[in-house]
Full PDB file with SEQRES, HELIX, SHEET, SSBOND, CRYST1, ORIGX, SCALE, CONECT and MASTER records, all heavy atoms in Angstrom:
SEQRES   1 A   37  TYR ALA ARG ILE SER VAL ALA ASP GLU GLY ILE GLY ILE          
SEQRES   2 A   37  PRO LYS ASP THR GLY ASP ARG ILE PHE GLU ALA PHE ASN          
SEQRES   3 A   37  GLN LEU ASP THR SER ALA SER ARG LYS PHE GLU                  
HELIX    1 AA1 LYS A   15  PHE A   22  5                                   8    
CRYST1    1.000    1.000    1.000  90.00  90.00  90.00 P 1           1          
ORIGX1      1.000000  0.000000  0.000000        0.00000                         
ORIGX2      0.000000  1.000000  0.000000        0.00000                         
ORIGX3      0.000000  0.000000  1.000000        0.00000                         
SCALE1      1.000000  0.000000  0.000000        0.00000                         
SCALE2      0.000000  1.000000  0.000000        0.00000                         
SCALE3      0.000000  0.000000  1.000000        0.00000                         
ATOM      1  N   TYR A   1      25.953  46.830  17.563  1.00  0.00           N  
ATOM      2  CA  TYR A   1      25.844  45.353  17.608  1.00  0.00           C  
ATOM      3  C   TYR A   1      25.995  44.830  19.014  1.00  0.00           C  
ATOM      4  O   TYR A   1      26.738  45.516  19.837  1.00  0.00           O  
ATOM      5  CB  TYR A   1      26.878  44.608  16.705  1.00  0.00           C  
ATOM      6  CG  TYR A   1      26.569  44.779  15.163  1.00  0.00           C  
ATOM      7  CD1 TYR A   1      26.977  46.024  14.473  1.00  0.00           C  
ATOM      8  CD2 TYR A   1      25.922  43.883  14.517  1.00  0.00           C  
ATOM      9  CE1 TYR A   1      26.815  46.202  13.203  1.00  0.00           C  
ATOM     10  CE2 TYR A   1      25.712  44.027  13.112  1.00  0.00           C  
ATOM     11  CZ  TYR A   1      26.140  45.286  12.552  1.00  0.00           C  
ATOM     12  OH  TYR A   1      25.875  45.382  11.201  1.00  0.00           O  
ATOM     13  N   ALA A   2      25.468  43.741  19.387  1.00  0.00           N  
ATOM     14  CA  ALA A   2      25.733  43.039  20.602  1.00  0.00           C  
ATOM     15  C   ALA A   2      26.768  41.987  20.227  1.00  0.00           C  
ATOM     16  O   ALA A   2      26.532  41.085  19.349  1.00  0.00           O  
ATOM     17  CB  ALA A   2      24.536  42.415  21.154  1.00  0.00           C  
ATOM     18  N   ARG A   3      27.915  42.020  20.843  1.00  0.00           N  
ATOM     19  CA  ARG A   3      28.989  41.125  20.464  1.00  0.00           C  
ATOM     20  C   ARG A   3      29.087  39.881  21.521  1.00  0.00           C  
ATOM     21  O   ARG A   3      29.364  40.170  22.639  1.00  0.00           O  
ATOM     22  CB  ARG A   3      30.354  41.760  20.402  1.00  0.00           C  
ATOM     23  CG  ARG A   3      31.594  40.906  20.400  1.00  0.00           C  
ATOM     24  CD  ARG A   3      32.769  41.602  19.933  1.00  0.00           C  
ATOM     25  NE  ARG A   3      32.771  41.717  18.420  1.00  0.00           N  
ATOM     26  CZ  ARG A   3      33.813  42.103  17.675  1.00  0.00           C  
ATOM     27  NH1 ARG A   3      34.922  42.289  18.340  1.00  0.00           N  
ATOM     28  NH2 ARG A   3      33.813  42.066  16.434  1.00  0.00           N  
ATOM     29  N   ILE A   4      28.843  38.729  21.069  1.00  0.00           N  
ATOM     30  CA  ILE A   4      29.009  37.528  21.924  1.00  0.00           C  
ATOM     31  C   ILE A   4      30.317  36.924  21.606  1.00  0.00           C  
ATOM     32  O   ILE A   4      30.675  36.746  20.472  1.00  0.00           O  
ATOM     33  CB  ILE A   4      27.934  36.533  21.539  1.00  0.00           C  
ATOM     34  CG1 ILE A   4      26.520  37.084  21.772  1.00  0.00           C  
ATOM     35  CG2 ILE A   4      28.144  35.172  22.444  1.00  0.00           C  
ATOM     36  CD1 ILE A   4      25.387  36.177  21.267  1.00  0.00           C  
ATOM     37  N   SER A   5      31.172  36.669  22.636  1.00  0.00           N  
ATOM     38  CA  SER A   5      32.488  36.088  22.362  1.00  0.00           C  
ATOM     39  C   SER A   5      32.552  34.711  23.133  1.00  0.00           C  
ATOM     40  O   SER A   5      32.137  34.542  24.157  1.00  0.00           O  
ATOM     41  CB  SER A   5      33.607  37.032  22.882  1.00  0.00           C  
ATOM     42  OG  SER A   5      33.472  37.328  24.256  1.00  0.00           O  
ATOM     43  N   VAL A   6      33.280  33.779  22.428  1.00  0.00           N  
ATOM     44  CA  VAL A   6      33.538  32.508  23.079  1.00  0.00           C  
ATOM     45  C   VAL A   6      35.053  32.275  22.999  1.00  0.00           C  
ATOM     46  O   VAL A   6      35.639  32.086  21.732  1.00  0.00           O  
ATOM     47  CB  VAL A   6      32.798  31.366  22.353  1.00  0.00           C  
ATOM     48  CG1 VAL A   6      33.147  30.030  22.927  1.00  0.00           C  
ATOM     49  CG2 VAL A   6      31.220  31.634  22.390  1.00  0.00           C  
ATOM     50  N   ALA A   7      35.754  32.419  24.016  1.00  0.00           N  
ATOM     51  CA  ALA A   7      37.173  32.325  23.963  1.00  0.00           C  
ATOM     52  C   ALA A   7      37.695  31.008  24.787  1.00  0.00           C  
ATOM     53  O   ALA A   7      37.080  30.602  25.806  1.00  0.00           O  
ATOM     54  CB  ALA A   7      37.806  33.526  24.893  1.00  0.00           C  
ATOM     55  N   ASP A   8      38.700  30.429  24.197  1.00  0.00           N  
ATOM     56  CA  ASP A   8      39.241  29.154  24.776  1.00  0.00           C  
ATOM     57  C   ASP A   8      40.756  29.378  24.914  1.00  0.00           C  
ATOM     58  O   ASP A   8      41.393  30.337  24.455  1.00  0.00           O  
ATOM     59  CB  ASP A   8      38.848  27.940  23.968  1.00  0.00           C  
ATOM     60  CG  ASP A   8      39.603  28.069  22.475  1.00  0.00           C  
ATOM     61  OD1 ASP A   8      40.742  28.146  22.358  1.00  0.00           O  
ATOM     62  OD2 ASP A   8      38.721  27.901  21.510  1.00  0.00           O  
ATOM     63  N   GLU A   9      41.377  28.290  25.669  1.00  0.00           N  
ATOM     64  CA  GLU A   9      42.807  28.331  25.760  1.00  0.00           C  
ATOM     65  C   GLU A   9      43.423  27.163  25.067  1.00  0.00           C  
ATOM     66  O   GLU A   9      44.374  26.610  25.449  1.00  0.00           O  
ATOM     67  CB  GLU A   9      43.085  28.237  27.310  1.00  0.00           C  
ATOM     68  CG  GLU A   9      42.620  29.440  28.073  1.00  0.00           C  
ATOM     69  CD  GLU A   9      42.795  29.216  29.600  1.00  0.00           C  
ATOM     70  OE1 GLU A   9      43.013  28.124  29.983  1.00  0.00           O  
ATOM     71  OE2 GLU A   9      42.860  30.255  30.313  1.00  0.00           O  
ATOM     72  N   GLY A  10      42.792  26.898  23.899  1.00  0.00           N  
ATOM     73  CA  GLY A  10      43.189  25.641  23.072  1.00  0.00           C  
ATOM     74  C   GLY A  10      44.375  25.830  22.166  1.00  0.00           C  
ATOM     75  O   GLY A  10      45.262  26.774  22.368  1.00  0.00           O  
ATOM     76  N   ILE A  11      44.442  24.943  21.087  1.00  0.00           N  
ATOM     77  CA  ILE A  11      45.557  24.975  20.196  1.00  0.00           C  
ATOM     78  C   ILE A  11      45.780  26.170  19.366  1.00  0.00           C  
ATOM     79  O   ILE A  11      46.761  26.415  18.830  1.00  0.00           O  
ATOM     80  CB  ILE A  11      45.479  23.674  19.504  1.00  0.00           C  
ATOM     81  CG1 ILE A  11      44.247  23.680  18.537  1.00  0.00           C  
ATOM     82  CG2 ILE A  11      45.546  22.477  20.316  1.00  0.00           C  
ATOM     83  CD1 ILE A  11      44.180  22.574  17.582  1.00  0.00           C  
ATOM     84  N   GLY A  12      44.687  26.915  19.160  1.00  0.00           N  
ATOM     85  CA  GLY A  12      44.781  28.091  18.292  1.00  0.00           C  
ATOM     86  C   GLY A  12      44.650  27.734  16.888  1.00  0.00           C  
ATOM     87  O   GLY A  12      44.549  26.532  16.503  1.00  0.00           O  
ATOM     88  N   ILE A  13      44.586  28.764  15.907  1.00  0.00           N  
ATOM     89  CA  ILE A  13      44.472  28.563  14.546  1.00  0.00           C  
ATOM     90  C   ILE A  13      45.659  29.284  13.887  1.00  0.00           C  
ATOM     91  O   ILE A  13      45.970  30.383  14.101  1.00  0.00           O  
ATOM     92  CB  ILE A  13      43.073  29.230  13.983  1.00  0.00           C  
ATOM     93  CG1 ILE A  13      41.941  28.537  14.734  1.00  0.00           C  
ATOM     94  CG2 ILE A  13      42.960  29.102  12.564  1.00  0.00           C  
ATOM     95  CD1 ILE A  13      40.592  29.210  14.467  1.00  0.00           C  
ATOM     96  N   PRO A  14      46.187  28.650  12.788  1.00  0.00           N  
ATOM     97  CA  PRO A  14      47.327  29.227  12.170  1.00  0.00           C  
ATOM     98  C   PRO A  14      46.964  30.627  11.498  1.00  0.00           C  
ATOM     99  O   PRO A  14      45.805  30.740  11.070  1.00  0.00           O  
ATOM    100  CB  PRO A  14      47.693  28.295  11.119  1.00  0.00           C  
ATOM    101  CG  PRO A  14      47.237  27.011  11.648  1.00  0.00           C  
ATOM    102  CD  PRO A  14      46.104  27.229  12.377  1.00  0.00           C  
ATOM    103  N   LYS A  15      47.902  31.563  11.367  1.00  0.00           N  
ATOM    104  CA  LYS A  15      47.710  32.842  10.891  1.00  0.00           C  
ATOM    105  C   LYS A  15      47.208  32.846   9.413  1.00  0.00           C  
ATOM    106  O   LYS A  15      46.405  33.638   9.076  1.00  0.00           O  
ATOM    107  CB  LYS A  15      48.938  33.779  11.096  1.00  0.00           C  
ATOM    108  CG  LYS A  15      49.206  34.147  12.515  1.00  0.00           C  
ATOM    109  CD  LYS A  15      50.399  35.019  12.570  1.00  0.00           C  
ATOM    110  CE  LYS A  15      50.692  35.560  14.004  1.00  0.00           C  
ATOM    111  NZ  LYS A  15      51.836  36.435  14.063  1.00  0.00           N  
ATOM    112  N   ASP A  16      47.756  31.938   8.602  1.00  0.00           N  
ATOM    113  CA  ASP A  16      47.434  31.905   7.184  1.00  0.00           C  
ATOM    114  C   ASP A  16      46.144  31.179   6.829  1.00  0.00           C  
ATOM    115  O   ASP A  16      45.743  31.090   5.693  1.00  0.00           O  
ATOM    116  CB  ASP A  16      48.554  31.278   6.450  1.00  0.00           C  
ATOM    117  CG  ASP A  16      48.878  29.829   6.846  1.00  0.00           C  
ATOM    118  OD1 ASP A  16      48.244  29.437   7.908  1.00  0.00           O  
ATOM    119  OD2 ASP A  16      49.555  29.172   6.203  1.00  0.00           O  
ATOM    120  N   THR A  17      45.356  30.842   7.900  1.00  0.00           N  
ATOM    121  CA  THR A  17      44.068  30.167   7.615  1.00  0.00           C  
ATOM    122  C   THR A  17      43.078  31.051   7.073  1.00  0.00           C  
ATOM    123  O   THR A  17      42.264  30.689   6.128  1.00  0.00           O  
ATOM    124  CB  THR A  17      43.604  29.554   8.864  1.00  0.00           C  
ATOM    125  OG1 THR A  17      44.538  28.601   9.454  1.00  0.00           O  
ATOM    126  CG2 THR A  17      42.278  28.773   8.645  1.00  0.00           C  
ATOM    127  N   GLY A  18      42.905  32.293   7.547  1.00  0.00           N  
ATOM    128  CA  GLY A  18      41.885  33.300   7.145  1.00  0.00           C  
ATOM    129  C   GLY A  18      40.572  32.679   7.214  1.00  0.00           C  
ATOM    130  O   GLY A  18      40.143  31.982   8.073  1.00  0.00           O  
ATOM    131  N   ASP A  19      39.709  32.984   6.217  1.00  0.00           N  
ATOM    132  CA  ASP A  19      38.273  32.522   6.121  1.00  0.00           C  
ATOM    133  C   ASP A  19      38.089  31.060   5.629  1.00  0.00           C  
ATOM    134  O   ASP A  19      36.983  30.622   5.516  1.00  0.00           O  
ATOM    135  CB  ASP A  19      37.457  33.475   5.234  1.00  0.00           C  
ATOM    136  CG  ASP A  19      37.090  34.728   5.954  1.00  0.00           C  
ATOM    137  OD1 ASP A  19      37.433  34.900   7.133  1.00  0.00           O  
ATOM    138  OD2 ASP A  19      36.452  35.634   5.355  1.00  0.00           O  
ATOM    139  N   ARG A  20      39.218  30.415   5.332  1.00  0.00           N  
ATOM    140  CA  ARG A  20      39.075  29.052   4.932  1.00  0.00           C  
ATOM    141  C   ARG A  20      38.461  28.152   6.005  1.00  0.00           C  
ATOM    142  O   ARG A  20      37.822  27.211   5.896  1.00  0.00           O  
ATOM    143  CB  ARG A  20      40.452  28.430   4.574  1.00  0.00           C  
ATOM    144  CG  ARG A  20      40.960  28.853   3.212  1.00  0.00           C  
ATOM    145  CD  ARG A  20      42.180  28.024   2.931  1.00  0.00           C  
ATOM    146  NE  ARG A  20      43.308  28.295   3.756  1.00  0.00           N  
ATOM    147  CZ  ARG A  20      43.795  27.382   4.614  1.00  0.00           C  
ATOM    148  NH1 ARG A  20      43.233  26.096   4.660  1.00  0.00           N  
ATOM    149  NH2 ARG A  20      44.874  27.606   5.453  1.00  0.00           N  
ATOM    150  N   ILE A  21      38.590  28.637   7.372  1.00  0.00           N  
ATOM    151  CA  ILE A  21      37.979  27.870   8.490  1.00  0.00           C  
ATOM    152  C   ILE A  21      36.512  27.893   8.333  1.00  0.00           C  
ATOM    153  O   ILE A  21      35.908  26.975   8.862  1.00  0.00           O  
ATOM    154  CB  ILE A  21      38.467  28.587   9.820  1.00  0.00           C  
ATOM    155  CG1 ILE A  21      38.189  27.649  10.910  1.00  0.00           C  
ATOM    156  CG2 ILE A  21      37.757  29.961  10.014  1.00  0.00           C  
ATOM    157  CD1 ILE A  21      38.786  28.069  12.350  1.00  0.00           C  
ATOM    158  N   PHE A  22      35.832  28.886   7.647  1.00  0.00           N  
ATOM    159  CA  PHE A  22      34.399  28.797   7.432  1.00  0.00           C  
ATOM    160  C   PHE A  22      33.883  28.002   6.328  1.00  0.00           C  
ATOM    161  O   PHE A  22      32.789  28.122   6.025  1.00  0.00           O  
ATOM    162  CB  PHE A  22      33.886  30.259   7.447  1.00  0.00           C  
ATOM    163  CG  PHE A  22      34.153  31.006   8.730  1.00  0.00           C  
ATOM    164  CD1 PHE A  22      35.109  31.972   8.722  1.00  0.00           C  
ATOM    165  CD2 PHE A  22      33.498  30.804   9.892  1.00  0.00           C  
ATOM    166  CE1 PHE A  22      35.386  32.697   9.872  1.00  0.00           C  
ATOM    167  CE2 PHE A  22      33.798  31.451  11.071  1.00  0.00           C  
ATOM    168  CZ  PHE A  22      34.742  32.437  11.041  1.00  0.00           C  
ATOM    169  N   GLU A  23      34.847  27.446   5.428  1.00  0.00           N  
ATOM    170  CA  GLU A  23      34.414  26.752   4.285  1.00  0.00           C  
ATOM    171  C   GLU A  23      33.803  25.368   4.714  1.00  0.00           C  
ATOM    172  O   GLU A  23      34.214  24.734   5.739  1.00  0.00           O  
ATOM    173  CB  GLU A  23      35.557  26.511   3.408  1.00  0.00           C  
ATOM    174  CG  GLU A  23      36.072  27.748   2.774  1.00  0.00           C  
ATOM    175  CD  GLU A  23      37.311  27.536   1.908  1.00  0.00           C  
ATOM    176  OE1 GLU A  23      37.733  26.373   1.809  1.00  0.00           O  
ATOM    177  OE2 GLU A  23      37.875  28.520   1.321  1.00  0.00           O  
ATOM    178  N   ALA A  24      32.789  24.839   3.950  1.00  0.00           N  
ATOM    179  CA  ALA A  24      32.261  23.551   4.258  1.00  0.00           C  
ATOM    180  C   ALA A  24      33.256  22.492   4.040  1.00  0.00           C  
ATOM    181  O   ALA A  24      34.071  22.401   3.134  1.00  0.00           O  
ATOM    182  CB  ALA A  24      31.168  23.279   3.211  1.00  0.00           C  
ATOM    183  N   PHE A  25      33.118  21.580   4.987  1.00  0.00           N  
ATOM    184  CA  PHE A  25      33.957  20.317   5.062  1.00  0.00           C  
ATOM    185  C   PHE A  25      35.491  20.703   5.302  1.00  0.00           C  
ATOM    186  O   PHE A  25      36.357  19.768   5.141  1.00  0.00           O  
ATOM    187  CB  PHE A  25      33.940  19.415   3.860  1.00  0.00           C  
ATOM    188  CG  PHE A  25      32.477  19.112   3.446  1.00  0.00           C  
ATOM    189  CD1 PHE A  25      31.716  19.760   2.436  1.00  0.00           C  
ATOM    190  CD2 PHE A  25      31.831  18.031   4.149  1.00  0.00           C  
ATOM    191  CE1 PHE A  25      30.511  19.354   2.177  1.00  0.00           C  
ATOM    192  CE2 PHE A  25      30.565  17.780   3.950  1.00  0.00           C  
ATOM    193  CZ  PHE A  25      29.913  18.342   2.901  1.00  0.00           C  
ATOM    194  N   ASN A  26      35.798  21.900   5.753  1.00  0.00           N  
ATOM    195  CA  ASN A  26      37.170  22.280   5.961  1.00  0.00           C  
ATOM    196  C   ASN A  26      37.602  21.726   7.258  1.00  0.00           C  
ATOM    197  O   ASN A  26      36.922  21.891   8.272  1.00  0.00           O  
ATOM    198  CB  ASN A  26      37.261  23.882   5.969  1.00  0.00           C  
ATOM    199  CG  ASN A  26      38.690  24.181   6.281  1.00  0.00           C  
ATOM    200  OD1 ASN A  26      39.686  23.942   5.346  1.00  0.00           O  
ATOM    201  ND2 ASN A  26      39.090  24.720   7.428  1.00  0.00           N  
ATOM    202  N   GLN A  27      38.739  21.138   7.300  1.00  0.00           N  
ATOM    203  CA  GLN A  27      39.397  20.616   8.548  1.00  0.00           C  
ATOM    204  C   GLN A  27      40.810  21.239   8.573  1.00  0.00           C  
ATOM    205  O   GLN A  27      41.602  21.123   7.570  1.00  0.00           O  
ATOM    206  CB  GLN A  27      39.504  19.092   8.584  1.00  0.00           C  
ATOM    207  CG  GLN A  27      38.139  18.444   8.797  1.00  0.00           C  
ATOM    208  CD  GLN A  27      37.577  18.513  10.197  1.00  0.00           C  
ATOM    209  OE1 GLN A  27      38.226  18.933  11.154  1.00  0.00           O  
ATOM    210  NE2 GLN A  27      36.381  17.930  10.409  1.00  0.00           N  
ATOM    211  N   LEU A  28      41.281  21.766   9.771  1.00  0.00           N  
ATOM    212  CA  LEU A  28      42.698  22.286   9.874  1.00  0.00           C  
ATOM    213  C   LEU A  28      43.589  21.110   9.731  1.00  0.00           C  
ATOM    214  O   LEU A  28      44.682  21.210   9.285  1.00  0.00           O  
ATOM    215  CB  LEU A  28      42.832  23.106  11.080  1.00  0.00           C  
ATOM    216  CG  LEU A  28      41.967  24.379  11.258  1.00  0.00           C  
ATOM    217  CD1 LEU A  28      42.266  25.021  12.582  1.00  0.00           C  
ATOM    218  CD2 LEU A  28      42.293  25.260  10.079  1.00  0.00           C  
ATOM    219  N   ASP A  29      43.234  20.049  10.410  1.00  0.00           N  
ATOM    220  CA  ASP A  29      44.149  18.851  10.269  1.00  0.00           C  
ATOM    221  C   ASP A  29      43.381  17.893   9.421  1.00  0.00           C  
ATOM    222  O   ASP A  29      42.378  17.286   9.663  1.00  0.00           O  
ATOM    223  CB  ASP A  29      44.200  18.229  11.695  1.00  0.00           C  
ATOM    224  CG  ASP A  29      44.975  16.921  11.722  1.00  0.00           C  
ATOM    225  OD1 ASP A  29      45.621  16.715  10.584  1.00  0.00           O  
ATOM    226  OD2 ASP A  29      45.117  16.223  12.805  1.00  0.00           O  
ATOM    227  N   THR A  30      44.016  17.669   8.166  1.00  0.00           N  
ATOM    228  CA  THR A  30      43.373  16.865   7.119  1.00  0.00           C  
ATOM    229  C   THR A  30      44.037  15.531   7.060  1.00  0.00           C  
ATOM    230  O   THR A  30      43.717  14.723   6.198  1.00  0.00           O  
ATOM    231  CB  THR A  30      43.476  17.551   5.803  1.00  0.00           C  
ATOM    232  OG1 THR A  30      44.840  17.840   5.532  1.00  0.00           O  
ATOM    233  CG2 THR A  30      42.694  18.805   5.792  1.00  0.00           C  
ATOM    234  N   SER A  31      44.884  15.201   7.958  1.00  0.00           N  
ATOM    235  CA  SER A  31      45.576  13.880   7.895  1.00  0.00           C  
ATOM    236  C   SER A  31      44.585  12.685   8.311  1.00  0.00           C  
ATOM    237  O   SER A  31      43.547  12.955   9.027  1.00  0.00           O  
ATOM    238  CB  SER A  31      46.782  13.905   8.889  1.00  0.00           C  
ATOM    239  OG  SER A  31      46.349  14.059  10.230  1.00  0.00           O  
ATOM    240  N   ALA A  32      44.919  11.576   7.861  1.00  0.00           N  
ATOM    241  CA  ALA A  32      43.992  10.455   8.094  1.00  0.00           C  
ATOM    242  C   ALA A  32      43.963  10.134   9.588  1.00  0.00           C  
ATOM    243  O   ALA A  32      43.049   9.512  10.071  1.00  0.00           O  
ATOM    244  CB  ALA A  32      44.446   9.214   7.258  1.00  0.00           C  
ATOM    245  N   SER A  33      45.053  10.403  10.308  1.00  0.00           N  
ATOM    246  CA  SER A  33      45.053  10.145  11.754  1.00  0.00           C  
ATOM    247  C   SER A  33      44.850  11.391  12.585  1.00  0.00           C  
ATOM    248  O   SER A  33      45.326  11.476  13.699  1.00  0.00           O  
ATOM    249  CB  SER A  33      46.423   9.497  12.137  1.00  0.00           C  
ATOM    250  OG  SER A  33      47.372  10.485  11.767  1.00  0.00           O  
ATOM    251  N   ARG A  34      43.969  12.258  12.159  1.00  0.00           N  
ATOM    252  CA  ARG A  34      43.698  13.598  12.928  1.00  0.00           C  
ATOM    253  C   ARG A  34      43.245  13.236  14.310  1.00  0.00           C  
ATOM    254  O   ARG A  34      42.388  12.289  14.374  1.00  0.00           O  
ATOM    255  CB  ARG A  34      43.006  14.466  12.103  1.00  0.00           C  
ATOM    256  CG  ARG A  34      41.543  14.090  11.877  1.00  0.00           C  
ATOM    257  CD  ARG A  34      40.747  15.304  11.251  1.00  0.00           C  
ATOM    258  NE  ARG A  34      39.379  14.964  11.214  1.00  0.00           N  
ATOM    259  CZ  ARG A  34      38.797  14.660  10.068  1.00  0.00           C  
ATOM    260  NH1 ARG A  34      39.348  14.426   8.938  1.00  0.00           N  
ATOM    261  NH2 ARG A  34      37.438  14.369  10.038  1.00  0.00           N  
ATOM    262  N   LYS A  35      43.539  14.043  15.181  1.00  0.00           N  
ATOM    263  CA  LYS A  35      43.213  13.862  16.595  1.00  0.00           C  
ATOM    264  C   LYS A  35      41.777  14.322  16.857  1.00  0.00           C  
ATOM    265  O   LYS A  35      41.083  13.654  17.635  1.00  0.00           O  
ATOM    266  CB  LYS A  35      44.165  14.652  17.521  1.00  0.00           C  
ATOM    267  CG  LYS A  35      43.834  14.620  18.967  1.00  0.00           C  
ATOM    268  CD  LYS A  35      44.809  15.506  19.705  1.00  0.00           C  
ATOM    269  CE  LYS A  35      44.485  15.550  21.277  1.00  0.00           C  
ATOM    270  NZ  LYS A  35      45.411  16.322  22.067  1.00  0.00           N  
ATOM    271  N   PHE A  36      41.289  15.315  16.118  1.00  0.00           N  
ATOM    272  CA  PHE A  36      39.940  15.892  16.461  1.00  0.00           C  
ATOM    273  C   PHE A  36      38.944  15.415  15.505  1.00  0.00           C  
ATOM    274  O   PHE A  36      39.088  15.560  14.264  1.00  0.00           O  
ATOM    275  CB  PHE A  36      40.106  17.413  16.419  1.00  0.00           C  
ATOM    276  CG  PHE A  36      41.121  17.909  17.438  1.00  0.00           C  
ATOM    277  CD1 PHE A  36      42.285  18.411  17.039  1.00  0.00           C  
ATOM    278  CD2 PHE A  36      40.828  17.985  18.823  1.00  0.00           C  
ATOM    279  CE1 PHE A  36      43.189  18.879  17.870  1.00  0.00           C  
ATOM    280  CE2 PHE A  36      41.910  18.359  19.695  1.00  0.00           C  
ATOM    281  CZ  PHE A  36      43.102  18.880  19.221  1.00  0.00           C  
ATOM    282  N   GLU A  37      37.777  14.919  16.012  1.00  0.00           N  
ATOM    283  CA  GLU A  37      36.661  14.546  15.132  1.00  0.00           C  
ATOM    284  C   GLU A  37      35.878  15.615  14.694  1.00  0.00           C  
ATOM    285  O   GLU A  37      35.832  16.795  15.256  1.00  0.00           O  
ATOM    286  CB  GLU A  37      35.852  13.534  15.869  1.00  0.00           C  
ATOM    287  CG  GLU A  37      36.605  12.332  16.380  1.00  0.00           C  
ATOM    288  CD  GLU A  37      35.672  11.367  17.313  1.00  0.00           C  
ATOM    289  OE1 GLU A  37      34.617  11.803  17.566  1.00  0.00           O  
ATOM    290  OE2 GLU A  37      36.114  10.216  17.540  1.00  0.00           O  
TER     291      GLU A  37                                                      
MASTER        0    0    0    1    0    0    0    6  290    1    0    3          
END                                                                             
């Protein structure tokens, strides 16, 4: 395989998130006042 990587120095993702991050309409921050759109 050719592996393309995109690395940032941002806030990171909690360890227990797993593949939930790839679910539709999933937001790590689900609060009404979340910072990220």
